[in-house]
Amino acid sequence: MHAVESEERTDAPRPVVETSVEGGRRLASAYWREVERTTRGLVRVRHAPEGPALRALGTSLIKFGPPHIQAAEHRVSCRYPIEGGLLARRPGGSITFAQDGSVLISSISGFHPRLATLPVLYAHVQARIHAVVSRRYFARLVREGAT
């Protein structure tokens, strides 16, 4: 199977973070918190100097490299390279959290999921989880800002 490309987006009534490096960090940190909330703590985020990892039952599901944050004019983004883990068939691709004006974006690009060897399984499990977390993430950002 080819690499997975997925983008979730929503329009917010106004920007929820400032267009700065700190704003990019806040977008990412809000997403990681939403992963833990949505999975009721089954999946935890372990932060390390080399990058975060999503972990469950002592296993690294997905390992990420350090963030690449960009802020210019009305757009801020925080992109993490995907470096491996149980759910990755091989390193490559990235996950990005962004705000472009008042549009919030959560995207996965160039990811090679292990579950993609069975496309139906990937579509019904891993892809759906990302979509659900993204919708909840957007709703929380709009409600609370990225605090």
N, C-alpha and C. Protein backbone atom coordinates (compact mmCIF):
# COMPACT_ATOMS: atom_id res chain seq x y z
N MET A 1 0.84 -1.19 0.00
CA MET A 1 0.00 0.00 0.00
C MET A 1 0.88 1.24 0.00
N HIS A 2 0.39 2.28 -0.65
CA HIS A 2 1.10 3.55 -0.70
C HIS A 2 1.02 4.25 0.66
N ALA A 3 1.80 5.30 0.77
CA ALA A 3 1.78 6.09 2.00
C ALA A 3 0.41 6.71 2.21
N VAL A 4 0.05 6.88 3.47
CA VAL A 4 -1.23 7.45 3.84
C VAL A 4 -1.13 8.98 3.89
N GLU A 5 -2.15 9.60 3.34
CA GLU A 5 -2.32 11.05 3.40
C GLU A 5 -3.70 11.29 4.01
N SER A 6 -3.75 12.08 5.06
CA SER A 6 -5.03 12.34 5.71
C SER A 6 -5.01 13.76 6.25
N GLU A 7 -6.09 14.49 6.00
CA GLU A 7 -6.17 15.85 6.54
C GLU A 7 -7.56 16.09 7.08
N GLU A 8 -7.60 16.54 8.32
CA GLU A 8 -8.83 16.96 8.97
C GLU A 8 -8.70 18.47 9.15
N ARG A 9 -9.80 19.19 8.94
CA ARG A 9 -9.76 20.65 9.14
C ARG A 9 -11.12 21.15 9.57
N THR A 10 -11.09 22.30 10.23
CA THR A 10 -12.33 22.95 10.63
C THR A 10 -12.10 24.45 10.69
N ASP A 11 -13.18 25.19 10.50
CA ASP A 11 -13.13 26.64 10.62
C ASP A 11 -13.45 27.02 12.06
N ALA A 12 -12.58 27.79 12.66
CA ALA A 12 -12.83 28.32 14.00
C ALA A 12 -13.37 29.74 13.85
N PRO A 13 -14.12 30.22 14.84
CA PRO A 13 -14.64 31.59 14.74
C PRO A 13 -13.54 32.64 14.70
N ARG A 14 -12.38 32.30 15.26
CA ARG A 14 -11.22 33.19 15.29
C ARG A 14 -9.98 32.35 15.54
N PRO A 15 -8.79 32.88 15.31
CA PRO A 15 -7.57 32.12 15.63
C PRO A 15 -7.55 31.74 17.12
N VAL A 16 -7.03 30.55 17.42
CA VAL A 16 -7.03 30.09 18.81
C VAL A 16 -5.66 30.16 19.47
N VAL A 17 -4.61 30.29 18.67
CA VAL A 17 -3.26 30.50 19.22
C VAL A 17 -2.61 31.64 18.47
N GLU A 18 -1.59 32.23 19.09
CA GLU A 18 -0.86 33.29 18.43
C GLU A 18 0.04 32.68 17.34
N THR A 19 0.35 33.47 16.33
CA THR A 19 1.22 33.02 15.25
C THR A 19 2.67 33.19 15.72
N SER A 20 3.15 32.18 16.43
CA SER A 20 4.50 32.21 17.01
C SER A 20 4.95 30.79 17.26
N VAL A 21 6.21 30.63 17.62
CA VAL A 21 6.73 29.32 17.99
C VAL A 21 5.94 28.77 19.17
N GLU A 22 5.64 29.61 20.14
CA GLU A 22 4.84 29.17 21.29
C GLU A 22 3.45 28.72 20.86
N GLY A 23 2.85 29.43 19.89
CA GLY A 23 1.55 29.02 19.37
C GLY A 23 1.61 27.63 18.74
N GLY A 24 2.69 27.34 18.00
CA GLY A 24 2.88 26.01 17.42
C GLY A 24 3.00 24.94 18.50
N ARG A 25 3.74 25.24 19.55
CA ARG A 25 3.87 24.29 20.67
C ARG A 25 2.52 24.03 21.33
N ARG A 26 1.73 25.09 21.45
CA ARG A 26 0.42 24.95 22.09
C ARG A 26 -0.52 24.09 21.25
N LEU A 27 -0.46 24.23 19.92
CA LEU A 27 -1.28 23.38 19.05
C LEU A 27 -0.93 21.91 19.26
N ALA A 28 0.35 21.60 19.28
CA ALA A 28 0.79 20.21 19.44
C ALA A 28 0.43 19.68 20.82
N SER A 29 0.70 20.46 21.84
CA SER A 29 0.44 19.98 23.20
C SER A 29 -1.05 19.71 23.42
N ALA A 30 -1.91 20.54 22.82
CA ALA A 30 -3.36 20.30 22.93
C ALA A 30 -3.75 19.00 22.24
N TYR A 31 -3.11 18.67 21.11
CA TYR A 31 -3.42 17.41 20.41
C TYR A 31 -2.99 16.22 21.26
N TRP A 32 -1.78 16.26 21.80
CA TRP A 32 -1.31 15.13 22.62
C TRP A 32 -2.22 14.91 23.83
N ARG A 33 -2.67 16.00 24.46
CA ARG A 33 -3.60 15.85 25.59
C ARG A 33 -4.91 15.21 25.13
N GLU A 34 -5.37 15.58 23.93
CA GLU A 34 -6.63 15.02 23.44
C GLU A 34 -6.49 13.54 23.11
N VAL A 35 -5.33 13.10 22.66
CA VAL A 35 -5.10 11.66 22.45
C VAL A 35 -5.32 10.92 23.76
N GLU A 36 -4.74 11.42 24.83
CA GLU A 36 -4.88 10.76 26.14
C GLU A 36 -6.32 10.80 26.62
N ARG A 37 -7.00 11.93 26.46
CA ARG A 37 -8.40 12.03 26.88
C ARG A 37 -9.29 11.08 26.08
N THR A 38 -9.14 11.09 24.77
CA THR A 38 -10.00 10.28 23.90
C THR A 38 -9.83 8.79 24.18
N THR A 39 -8.61 8.37 24.46
CA THR A 39 -8.35 6.95 24.73
C THR A 39 -8.49 6.62 26.22
N ARG A 40 -8.96 7.59 26.99
CA ARG A 40 -9.14 7.43 28.43
C ARG A 40 -7.86 6.94 29.12
N GLY A 41 -6.73 7.44 28.62
CA GLY A 41 -5.45 7.13 29.23
C GLY A 41 -4.82 5.82 28.77
N LEU A 42 -5.52 5.05 27.94
CA LEU A 42 -4.93 3.81 27.43
C LEU A 42 -3.67 4.13 26.62
N VAL A 43 -3.76 5.16 25.79
CA VAL A 43 -2.60 5.63 25.04
C VAL A 43 -2.07 6.86 25.76
N ARG A 44 -0.79 6.82 26.09
CA ARG A 44 -0.14 7.92 26.81
C ARG A 44 0.94 8.51 25.92
N VAL A 45 1.22 9.77 26.12
CA VAL A 45 2.28 10.42 25.39
C VAL A 45 3.49 10.52 26.31
N ARG A 46 4.59 9.98 25.85
CA ARG A 46 5.85 10.10 26.60
C ARG A 46 6.71 11.13 25.87
N HIS A 47 7.00 12.21 26.58
CA HIS A 47 7.83 13.27 25.99
C HIS A 47 9.29 13.00 26.32
N ALA A 48 10.14 13.12 25.32
CA ALA A 48 11.58 12.91 25.50
C ALA A 48 12.31 13.93 24.63
N PRO A 49 13.56 14.20 24.93
CA PRO A 49 14.31 15.18 24.13
C PRO A 49 14.34 14.85 22.63
N GLU A 50 14.34 13.56 22.29
CA GLU A 50 14.39 13.18 20.87
C GLU A 50 13.02 13.23 20.20
N GLY A 51 11.96 13.48 20.97
CA GLY A 51 10.61 13.59 20.42
C GLY A 51 9.63 12.75 21.21
N PRO A 52 8.34 13.01 21.04
CA PRO A 52 7.32 12.27 21.79
C PRO A 52 7.08 10.88 21.20
N ALA A 53 6.46 10.04 21.99
CA ALA A 53 6.04 8.71 21.54
C ALA A 53 4.67 8.43 22.11
N LEU A 54 3.80 7.85 21.29
CA LEU A 54 2.51 7.37 21.77
C LEU A 54 2.73 5.95 22.25
N ARG A 55 2.36 5.68 23.51
CA ARG A 55 2.62 4.38 24.11
C ARG A 55 1.35 3.79 24.70
N ALA A 56 1.26 2.47 24.64
CA ALA A 56 0.16 1.74 25.28
C ALA A 56 0.71 0.43 25.80
N LEU A 57 0.37 0.13 27.04
CA LEU A 57 0.78 -1.14 27.65
C LEU A 57 2.28 -1.37 27.53
N GLY A 58 3.06 -0.31 27.72
CA GLY A 58 4.52 -0.42 27.69
C GLY A 58 5.13 -0.49 26.31
N THR A 59 4.34 -0.35 25.26
CA THR A 59 4.85 -0.46 23.89
C THR A 59 4.74 0.87 23.17
N SER A 60 5.78 1.23 22.43
CA SER A 60 5.72 2.45 21.61
C SER A 60 4.91 2.17 20.36
N LEU A 61 3.75 2.81 20.26
CA LEU A 61 2.90 2.64 19.09
C LEU A 61 3.44 3.44 17.91
N ILE A 62 3.76 4.70 18.17
CA ILE A 62 4.35 5.56 17.14
C ILE A 62 5.37 6.47 17.83
N LYS A 63 6.58 6.51 17.26
CA LYS A 63 7.64 7.38 17.76
C LYS A 63 7.81 8.54 16.79
N PHE A 64 7.96 9.73 17.36
CA PHE A 64 8.12 10.94 16.56
C PHE A 64 9.47 11.57 16.85
N GLY A 65 10.00 12.29 15.88
CA GLY A 65 11.20 13.07 16.08
C GLY A 65 10.85 14.41 16.68
N PRO A 66 11.84 15.27 16.85
CA PRO A 66 11.59 16.59 17.43
C PRO A 66 10.72 17.45 16.51
N PRO A 67 9.98 18.38 17.10
CA PRO A 67 9.06 19.20 16.30
C PRO A 67 9.79 20.21 15.42
N HIS A 68 9.17 20.51 14.30
CA HIS A 68 9.61 21.58 13.40
C HIS A 68 8.47 22.59 13.40
N ILE A 69 8.72 23.74 14.00
CA ILE A 69 7.67 24.75 14.14
C ILE A 69 7.96 25.90 13.18
N GLN A 70 6.91 26.32 12.48
CA GLN A 70 7.02 27.47 11.58
C GLN A 70 5.88 28.44 11.89
N ALA A 71 6.24 29.72 11.89
CA ALA A 71 5.23 30.76 12.12
C ALA A 71 5.53 31.92 11.19
N ALA A 72 4.56 32.27 10.37
CA ALA A 72 4.72 33.40 9.44
C ALA A 72 3.35 33.96 9.09
N GLU A 73 3.25 35.25 9.09
CA GLU A 73 2.01 35.96 8.77
C GLU A 73 0.83 35.38 9.55
N HIS A 74 -0.09 34.69 8.89
CA HIS A 74 -1.29 34.19 9.56
C HIS A 74 -1.27 32.68 9.77
N ARG A 75 -0.13 32.03 9.53
CA ARG A 75 -0.05 30.57 9.64
C ARG A 75 1.01 30.16 10.66
N VAL A 76 0.64 29.18 11.47
CA VAL A 76 1.59 28.58 12.39
C VAL A 76 1.40 27.07 12.31
N SER A 77 2.51 26.33 12.32
CA SER A 77 2.40 24.88 12.25
C SER A 77 3.49 24.22 13.09
N CYS A 78 3.17 23.01 13.51
CA CYS A 78 4.11 22.20 14.27
C CYS A 78 4.07 20.81 13.64
N ARG A 79 5.19 20.40 13.03
CA ARG A 79 5.27 19.12 12.31
C ARG A 79 6.26 18.20 13.01
N TYR A 80 5.83 16.96 13.22
CA TYR A 80 6.68 15.93 13.83
C TYR A 80 6.96 14.84 12.80
N PRO A 81 8.23 14.52 12.53
CA PRO A 81 8.52 13.39 11.66
C PRO A 81 8.18 12.08 12.38
N ILE A 82 7.67 11.12 11.63
CA ILE A 82 7.36 9.80 12.19
C ILE A 82 8.60 8.94 12.04
N GLU A 83 9.09 8.41 13.17
CA GLU A 83 10.35 7.68 13.15
C GLU A 83 10.21 6.19 13.38
N GLY A 84 9.02 5.71 13.66
CA GLY A 84 8.86 4.26 13.84
C GLY A 84 7.79 3.96 14.87
N GLY A 85 7.88 2.76 15.45
CA GLY A 85 6.91 2.28 16.42
C GLY A 85 6.12 1.11 15.86
N LEU A 86 5.39 0.45 16.71
CA LEU A 86 4.63 -0.74 16.35
C LEU A 86 3.64 -0.49 15.20
N LEU A 87 3.00 0.68 15.18
CA LEU A 87 1.99 0.96 14.16
C LEU A 87 2.57 1.49 12.85
N ALA A 88 3.88 1.71 12.81
CA ALA A 88 4.53 2.20 11.59
C ALA A 88 5.24 1.04 10.90
N ARG A 89 4.94 0.84 9.64
CA ARG A 89 5.62 -0.22 8.88
C ARG A 89 7.09 0.13 8.70
N ARG A 90 7.36 1.44 8.57
CA ARG A 90 8.75 1.92 8.46
C ARG A 90 8.76 3.41 8.81
N PRO A 91 9.91 3.94 9.15
CA PRO A 91 9.99 5.38 9.42
C PRO A 91 9.63 6.17 8.16
N GLY A 92 9.09 7.33 8.37
CA GLY A 92 8.77 8.21 7.25
C GLY A 92 7.43 8.88 7.44
N GLY A 93 7.30 10.02 6.84
CA GLY A 93 6.08 10.77 6.95
C GLY A 93 6.08 11.67 8.17
N SER A 94 4.94 12.30 8.40
CA SER A 94 4.86 13.24 9.52
C SER A 94 3.40 13.47 9.91
N ILE A 95 3.26 14.02 11.11
CA ILE A 95 1.96 14.52 11.57
C ILE A 95 2.15 16.02 11.82
N THR A 96 1.17 16.80 11.38
CA THR A 96 1.28 18.26 11.49
C THR A 96 0.00 18.82 12.10
N PHE A 97 0.18 19.78 12.98
CA PHE A 97 -0.91 20.53 13.58
C PHE A 97 -0.71 21.97 13.14
N ALA A 98 -1.75 22.60 12.61
CA ALA A 98 -1.56 23.95 12.06
C ALA A 98 -2.80 24.80 12.27
N GLN A 99 -2.55 26.09 12.19
CA GLN A 99 -3.62 27.09 12.17
C GLN A 99 -3.28 28.03 11.02
N ASP A 100 -4.18 28.15 10.08
CA ASP A 100 -4.00 29.03 8.93
C ASP A 100 -5.14 30.05 8.97
N GLY A 101 -4.85 31.24 9.48
CA GLY A 101 -5.91 32.21 9.76
C GLY A 101 -6.75 31.64 10.88
N SER A 102 -8.02 31.35 10.59
CA SER A 102 -8.87 30.74 11.63
C SER A 102 -9.20 29.28 11.28
N VAL A 103 -8.49 28.70 10.31
CA VAL A 103 -8.70 27.29 9.96
C VAL A 103 -7.72 26.43 10.74
N LEU A 104 -8.25 25.42 11.43
CA LEU A 104 -7.42 24.48 12.19
C LEU A 104 -7.24 23.21 11.36
N ILE A 105 -6.01 22.69 11.37
CA ILE A 105 -5.66 21.55 10.52
C ILE A 105 -4.88 20.52 11.32
N SER A 106 -5.23 19.26 11.11
CA SER A 106 -4.47 18.13 11.64
C SER A 106 -4.24 17.19 10.47
N SER A 107 -2.99 16.96 10.11
CA SER A 107 -2.74 16.14 8.92
C SER A 107 -1.65 15.12 9.14
N ILE A 108 -1.78 14.03 8.42
CA ILE A 108 -0.77 12.98 8.38
C ILE A 108 -0.35 12.88 6.92
N SER A 109 0.96 12.87 6.70
CA SER A 109 1.45 12.84 5.33
C SER A 109 2.61 11.86 5.22
N GLY A 110 2.58 11.02 4.18
CA GLY A 110 3.69 10.12 3.90
C GLY A 110 3.87 9.00 4.91
N PHE A 111 2.85 8.69 5.68
CA PHE A 111 2.93 7.66 6.74
C PHE A 111 2.68 6.29 6.14
N HIS A 112 3.49 5.32 6.55
CA HIS A 112 3.36 3.93 6.10
C HIS A 112 2.90 3.08 7.29
N PRO A 113 1.58 2.99 7.51
CA PRO A 113 1.09 2.24 8.67
C PRO A 113 1.20 0.73 8.48
N ARG A 114 1.54 0.05 9.54
CA ARG A 114 1.60 -1.42 9.52
C ARG A 114 0.23 -1.99 9.20
N LEU A 115 -0.83 -1.39 9.73
CA LEU A 115 -2.18 -1.90 9.48
C LEU A 115 -2.62 -1.74 8.03
N ALA A 116 -1.89 -0.97 7.24
CA ALA A 116 -2.27 -0.75 5.85
C ALA A 116 -2.10 -2.01 5.00
N THR A 117 -1.39 -3.01 5.52
CA THR A 117 -1.30 -4.26 4.77
C THR A 117 -2.68 -4.90 4.66
N LEU A 118 -3.57 -4.51 5.57
CA LEU A 118 -4.99 -4.89 5.51
C LEU A 118 -5.78 -3.59 5.45
N PRO A 119 -5.98 -3.02 4.26
CA PRO A 119 -6.59 -1.68 4.14
C PRO A 119 -7.90 -1.50 4.89
N VAL A 120 -8.72 -2.54 4.94
CA VAL A 120 -9.99 -2.42 5.66
C VAL A 120 -9.73 -2.21 7.15
N LEU A 121 -8.77 -2.93 7.69
CA LEU A 121 -8.43 -2.79 9.10
C LEU A 121 -7.91 -1.38 9.39
N TYR A 122 -7.03 -0.87 8.53
CA TYR A 122 -6.51 0.48 8.73
C TYR A 122 -7.65 1.50 8.69
N ALA A 123 -8.51 1.40 7.69
CA ALA A 123 -9.60 2.37 7.53
C ALA A 123 -10.57 2.34 8.70
N HIS A 124 -10.81 1.16 9.27
CA HIS A 124 -11.78 1.05 10.36
C HIS A 124 -11.18 1.26 11.74
N VAL A 125 -9.87 1.25 11.86
CA VAL A 125 -9.27 1.41 13.18
C VAL A 125 -8.41 2.67 13.24
N GLN A 126 -7.22 2.61 12.71
CA GLN A 126 -6.25 3.68 12.87
C GLN A 126 -6.72 4.99 12.24
N ALA A 127 -7.23 4.96 11.03
CA ALA A 127 -7.69 6.20 10.37
C ALA A 127 -8.87 6.81 11.12
N ARG A 128 -9.78 5.98 11.59
CA ARG A 128 -10.93 6.50 12.34
C ARG A 128 -10.51 7.13 13.66
N ILE A 129 -9.55 6.51 14.33
CA ILE A 129 -9.07 7.07 15.60
C ILE A 129 -8.49 8.46 15.37
N HIS A 130 -7.68 8.62 14.31
CA HIS A 130 -7.11 9.94 14.02
C HIS A 130 -8.22 10.96 13.75
N ALA A 131 -9.24 10.57 13.00
CA ALA A 131 -10.34 11.49 12.68
C ALA A 131 -11.11 11.88 13.94
N VAL A 132 -11.39 10.92 14.81
CA VAL A 132 -12.13 11.20 16.05
C VAL A 132 -11.31 12.12 16.96
N VAL A 133 -10.03 11.79 17.14
CA VAL A 133 -9.17 12.64 17.99
C VAL A 133 -9.12 14.05 17.40
N SER A 134 -8.97 14.15 16.09
CA SER A 134 -8.89 15.48 15.46
C SER A 134 -10.15 16.30 15.69
N ARG A 135 -11.31 15.68 15.53
CA ARG A 135 -12.57 16.42 15.75
C ARG A 135 -12.67 16.91 17.19
N ARG A 136 -12.33 16.05 18.12
CA ARG A 136 -12.38 16.44 19.54
C ARG A 136 -11.34 17.52 19.84
N TYR A 137 -10.17 17.39 19.26
CA TYR A 137 -9.09 18.37 19.39
C TYR A 137 -9.55 19.74 18.90
N PHE A 138 -10.14 19.79 17.71
CA PHE A 138 -10.63 21.06 17.16
C PHE A 138 -11.69 21.67 18.08
N ALA A 139 -12.63 20.86 18.52
CA ALA A 139 -13.71 21.36 19.38
C ALA A 139 -13.14 21.94 20.67
N ARG A 140 -12.17 21.25 21.26
CA ARG A 140 -11.58 21.74 22.51
C ARG A 140 -10.79 23.01 22.26
N LEU A 141 -10.04 23.08 21.16
CA LEU A 141 -9.28 24.31 20.86
C LEU A 141 -10.23 25.50 20.71
N VAL A 142 -11.33 25.30 20.02
CA VAL A 142 -12.28 26.38 19.81
C VAL A 142 -12.91 26.79 21.14
N ARG A 143 -13.28 25.81 21.96
CA ARG A 143 -13.92 26.08 23.25
C ARG A 143 -12.99 26.78 24.23
N GLU A 144 -11.77 26.26 24.33
CA GLU A 144 -10.87 26.70 25.40
C GLU A 144 -9.64 27.48 24.90
N GLY A 145 -9.43 27.56 23.61
CA GLY A 145 -8.13 28.02 23.14
C GLY A 145 -7.17 26.87 23.39
N ALA A 146 -5.91 27.07 23.23
CA ALA A 146 -4.93 25.97 23.41
C ALA A 146 -4.32 25.99 24.79
N THR A 147 -5.00 26.49 25.76
CA THR A 147 -4.43 26.59 27.11
C THR A 147 -4.29 25.24 27.77
